[in-house]
Amino acid sequence: MKIDRAAAFLYAIVSTAVIAFQIALAAGAPWGAYAMGGAFPGQFPPPMRIGAVVQAAILAGLAGVVLSRGGVALPSWSKVSHWLIWVVVAFSVLSLVLNLITPSAGERAIWAPVAFVMLASSLSVALLRRKDTV
């Protein structure tokens, strides 16, 4: 398997775990200490639960872009994936920075490494898949 495809699969697998976490938060899991800087320990209040669903949807879209750019899925996204992959990389950089500076030690311990893997895998896809082929 080519490195770009493997990196796309890795991004998708990690994204699936993060999406599951966000959906669990939205459903009332008492894991608020591990998200949003730990500002809402326990269950998220209703507005934050809606935010968790929105974050899950955004992450699913980002994973779709990476899978398309990596030549794994969604070939119809191929034309736009050559520039959208850089949006994913930028989002991943921002996510890593925010997870490194969060006041929540638990969030930092869990999500900073996850954000690093997402950045490394999306950047690998961006740099290794320069052609518009799928």
C-alpha atoms as a PDB file:
ATOM      1  CA  MET A   1       0.000   0.000   0.000  1.00  0.00           C
ATOM      2  CA  LYS A   2       1.290   3.443  -0.862  1.00  0.00           C
ATOM      3  CA  ILE A   3       2.173   5.803   1.978  1.00  0.00           C
ATOM      4  CA  ASP A   4      -0.408   8.403   0.937  1.00  0.00           C
ATOM      5  CA  ARG A   5      -3.208   5.839   0.998  1.00  0.00           C
ATOM      6  CA  ALA A   6      -2.029   4.463   4.351  1.00  0.00           C
ATOM      7  CA  ALA A   7      -1.897   8.012   5.752  1.00  0.00           C
ATOM      8  CA  ALA A   8      -5.426   8.662   4.474  1.00  0.00           C
ATOM      9  CA  PHE A   9      -6.677   5.477   6.153  1.00  0.00           C
ATOM     10  CA  LEU A  10      -4.891   6.436   9.383  1.00  0.00           C
ATOM     11  CA  TYR A  11      -6.492   9.893   9.329  1.00  0.00           C
ATOM     12  CA  ALA A  12      -9.915   8.346   8.759  1.00  0.00           C
ATOM     13  CA  ILE A  13      -9.495   5.818  11.586  1.00  0.00           C
ATOM     14  CA  VAL A  14      -8.366   8.457  14.061  1.00  0.00           C
ATOM     15  CA  SER A  15     -11.140  10.793  12.906  1.00  0.00           C
ATOM     16  CA  THR A  16     -13.679   8.052  13.509  1.00  0.00           C
ATOM     17  CA  ALA A  17     -12.523   7.786  17.123  1.00  0.00           C
ATOM     18  CA  VAL A  18     -12.745  11.565  17.594  1.00  0.00           C
ATOM     19  CA  ILE A  19     -16.186  11.642  15.963  1.00  0.00           C
ATOM     20  CA  ALA A  20     -17.341   8.870  18.309  1.00  0.00           C
ATOM     21  CA  PHE A  21     -16.070  10.920  21.268  1.00  0.00           C
ATOM     22  CA  GLN A  22     -17.964  13.995  20.048  1.00  0.00           C
ATOM     23  CA  ILE A  23     -21.155  11.994  19.543  1.00  0.00           C
ATOM     24  CA  ALA A  24     -20.775  10.531  23.036  1.00  0.00           C
ATOM     25  CA  LEU A  25     -20.433  14.057  24.452  1.00  0.00           C
ATOM     26  CA  ALA A  26     -23.547  15.088  22.535  1.00  0.00           C
ATOM     27  CA  ALA A  27     -25.395  12.081  23.919  1.00  0.00           C
ATOM     28  CA  GLY A  28     -24.520  13.048  27.497  1.00  0.00           C
ATOM     29  CA  ALA A  29     -21.328  11.156  28.303  1.00  0.00           C
ATOM     30  CA  PRO A  30     -19.706  12.783  31.366  1.00  0.00           C
ATOM     31  CA  TRP A  31     -16.406  13.482  29.611  1.00  0.00           C
ATOM     32  CA  GLY A  32     -16.553  17.281  29.475  1.00  0.00           C
ATOM     33  CA  ALA A  33     -13.281  17.557  31.398  1.00  0.00           C
ATOM     34  CA  TYR A  34     -11.546  16.176  28.291  1.00  0.00           C
ATOM     35  CA  ALA A  35     -12.939  18.715  25.812  1.00  0.00           C
ATOM     36  CA  MET A  36     -13.204  22.474  25.361  1.00  0.00           C
ATOM     37  CA  GLY A  37     -10.423  23.165  27.850  1.00  0.00           C
ATOM     38  CA  GLY A  38     -12.272  21.276  30.557  1.00  0.00           C
ATOM     39  CA  ALA A  39     -14.657  24.218  30.971  1.00  0.00           C
ATOM     40  CA  PHE A  40     -17.661  21.884  31.305  1.00  0.00           C
ATOM     41  CA  PRO A  41     -16.676  18.923  33.499  1.00  0.00           C
ATOM     42  CA  GLY A  42     -19.230  16.167  33.500  1.00  0.00           C
ATOM     43  CA  GLN A  43     -21.991  16.335  30.927  1.00  0.00           C
ATOM     44  CA  PHE A  44     -22.009  19.132  28.384  1.00  0.00           C
ATOM     45  CA  PRO A  45     -24.882  21.619  28.644  1.00  0.00           C
ATOM     46  CA  PRO A  46     -27.343  21.530  25.702  1.00  0.00           C
ATOM     47  CA  PRO A  47     -25.646  24.263  23.599  1.00  0.00           C
ATOM     48  CA  MET A  48     -22.288  22.484  23.902  1.00  0.00           C
ATOM     49  CA  ARG A  49     -23.930  19.199  22.913  1.00  0.00           C
ATOM     50  CA  ILE A  50     -25.081  20.845  19.692  1.00  0.00           C
ATOM     51  CA  GLY A  51     -21.524  22.089  19.238  1.00  0.00           C
ATOM     52  CA  ALA A  52     -20.235  18.540  19.642  1.00  0.00           C
ATOM     53  CA  VAL A  53     -22.547  17.355  16.851  1.00  0.00           C
ATOM     54  CA  VAL A  54     -21.317  20.194  14.624  1.00  0.00           C
ATOM     55  CA  GLN A  55     -17.707  19.258  15.397  1.00  0.00           C
ATOM     56  CA  ALA A  56     -18.431  15.634  14.529  1.00  0.00           C
ATOM     57  CA  ALA A  57     -19.914  16.689  11.185  1.00  0.00           C
ATOM     58  CA  ILE A  58     -16.934  18.914  10.406  1.00  0.00           C
ATOM     59  CA  LEU A  59     -14.522  16.096  11.257  1.00  0.00           C
ATOM     60  CA  ALA A  60     -16.439  13.732   8.974  1.00  0.00           C
ATOM     61  CA  GLY A  61     -16.112  16.235   6.133  1.00  0.00           C
ATOM     62  CA  LEU A  62     -12.396  16.676   6.778  1.00  0.00           C
ATOM     63  CA  ALA A  63     -11.935  12.898   6.748  1.00  0.00           C
ATOM     64  CA  GLY A  64     -13.814  12.766   3.448  1.00  0.00           C
ATOM     65  CA  VAL A  65     -11.389  15.277   1.946  1.00  0.00           C
ATOM     66  CA  VAL A  66      -8.369  13.283   3.138  1.00  0.00           C
ATOM     67  CA  LEU A  67      -9.817  10.019   1.858  1.00  0.00           C
ATOM     68  CA  SER A  68     -10.551  11.618  -1.501  1.00  0.00           C
ATOM     69  CA  ARG A  69      -7.114  13.199  -1.782  1.00  0.00           C
ATOM     70  CA  GLY A  70      -5.486   9.932  -0.749  1.00  0.00           C
ATOM     71  CA  GLY A  71      -7.255   8.137  -3.564  1.00  0.00           C
ATOM     72  CA  VAL A  72      -9.209   5.921  -1.187  1.00  0.00           C
ATOM     73  CA  ALA A  73     -12.806   7.145  -1.554  1.00  0.00           C
ATOM     74  CA  LEU A  74     -15.058   9.899  -2.870  1.00  0.00           C
ATOM     75  CA  PRO A  75     -13.531  10.300  -6.336  1.00  0.00           C
ATOM     76  CA  SER A  76     -16.095  12.982  -7.131  1.00  0.00           C
ATOM     77  CA  TRP A  77     -14.314  15.229  -4.605  1.00  0.00           C
ATOM     78  CA  SER A  78     -10.992  14.822  -6.399  1.00  0.00           C
ATOM     79  CA  LYS A  79     -11.071  18.160  -8.215  1.00  0.00           C
ATOM     80  CA  VAL A  80     -11.533  20.197  -5.040  1.00  0.00           C
ATOM     81  CA  SER A  81      -9.499  17.951  -2.765  1.00  0.00           C
ATOM     82  CA  HIS A  82      -6.225  19.317  -4.145  1.00  0.00           C
ATOM     83  CA  TRP A  83      -6.844  22.597  -2.312  1.00  0.00           C
ATOM     84  CA  LEU A  84      -9.222  21.416   0.415  1.00  0.00           C
ATOM     85  CA  ILE A  85      -6.487  19.142   1.760  1.00  0.00           C
ATOM     86  CA  TRP A  86      -4.649  22.301   2.800  1.00  0.00           C
ATOM     87  CA  VAL A  87      -7.732  23.398   4.743  1.00  0.00           C
ATOM     88  CA  VAL A  88      -7.549  20.051   6.549  1.00  0.00           C
ATOM     89  CA  VAL A  89      -3.835  20.571   7.258  1.00  0.00           C
ATOM     90  CA  ALA A  90      -4.518  24.089   8.594  1.00  0.00           C
ATOM     91  CA  PHE A  91      -7.353  22.785  10.764  1.00  0.00           C
ATOM     92  CA  SER A  92      -5.014  20.069  12.048  1.00  0.00           C
ATOM     93  CA  VAL A  93      -2.316  22.618  12.920  1.00  0.00           C
ATOM     94  CA  LEU A  94      -4.860  24.706  14.814  1.00  0.00           C
ATOM     95  CA  SER A  95      -6.177  21.614  16.602  1.00  0.00           C
ATOM     96  CA  LEU A  96      -2.680  20.586  17.679  1.00  0.00           C
ATOM     97  CA  VAL A  97      -1.829  24.060  18.982  1.00  0.00           C
ATOM     98  CA  LEU A  98      -5.096  24.341  20.907  1.00  0.00           C
ATOM     99  CA  ASN A  99      -4.669  20.877  22.389  1.00  0.00           C
ATOM    100  CA  LEU A 100      -1.117  21.712  23.466  1.00  0.00           C
ATOM    101  CA  ILE A 101      -2.133  24.929  25.236  1.00  0.00           C
ATOM    102  CA  THR A 102      -5.386  23.768  26.825  1.00  0.00           C
ATOM    103  CA  PRO A 103      -5.612  24.247  30.590  1.00  0.00           C
ATOM    104  CA  SER A 104      -7.031  20.708  30.890  1.00  0.00           C
ATOM    105  CA  ALA A 105      -4.188  18.276  31.579  1.00  0.00           C
ATOM    106  CA  GLY A 106      -6.383  15.314  30.655  1.00  0.00           C
ATOM    107  CA  GLU A 107      -7.352  16.881  27.354  1.00  0.00           C
ATOM    108  CA  ARG A 108      -3.712  17.703  26.618  1.00  0.00           C
ATOM    109  CA  ALA A 109      -2.582  14.156  27.416  1.00  0.00           C
ATOM    110  CA  ILE A 110      -5.227  12.496  25.245  1.00  0.00           C
ATOM    111  CA  TRP A 111      -5.919  14.863  22.376  1.00  0.00           C
ATOM    112  CA  ALA A 112      -2.528  16.464  21.666  1.00  0.00           C
ATOM    113  CA  PRO A 113      -1.082  13.129  20.448  1.00  0.00           C
ATOM    114  CA  VAL A 114      -4.264  12.479  18.458  1.00  0.00           C
ATOM    115  CA  ALA A 115      -4.035  15.940  16.889  1.00  0.00           C
ATOM    116  CA  PHE A 116      -0.381  15.295  16.032  1.00  0.00           C
ATOM    117  CA  VAL A 117      -1.265  12.044  14.243  1.00  0.00           C
ATOM    118  CA  MET A 118      -4.036  13.831  12.340  1.00  0.00           C
ATOM    119  CA  LEU A 119      -1.631  16.607  11.325  1.00  0.00           C
ATOM    120  CA  ALA A 120       1.114  14.193  10.271  1.00  0.00           C
ATOM    121  CA  SER A 121      -1.246  12.011   8.260  1.00  0.00           C
ATOM    122  CA  SER A 122      -3.070  14.894   6.536  1.00  0.00           C
ATOM    123  CA  LEU A 123       0.234  16.600   5.720  1.00  0.00           C
ATOM    124  CA  SER A 124       1.573  13.339   4.302  1.00  0.00           C
ATOM    125  CA  VAL A 125      -1.447  13.051   2.025  1.00  0.00           C
ATOM    126  CA  ALA A 126      -1.127  16.712   1.005  1.00  0.00           C
ATOM    127  CA  LEU A 127       2.554  16.410   0.130  1.00  0.00           C
ATOM    128  CA  LEU A 128       2.512  12.950  -1.437  1.00  0.00           C
ATOM    129  CA  ARG A 129      -0.654  13.347  -3.552  1.00  0.00           C
ATOM    130  CA  ARG A 130       0.206  16.334  -5.690  1.00  0.00           C
ATOM    131  CA  LYS A 131      -1.544  15.068  -8.809  1.00  0.00           C
ATOM    132  CA  ASP A 132      -5.293  15.197  -9.379  1.00  0.00           C
ATOM    133  CA  THR A 133      -5.409  11.437  -9.850  1.00  0.00           C
ATOM    134  CA  VAL A 134      -7.551   9.221  -7.680  1.00  0.00           C
END
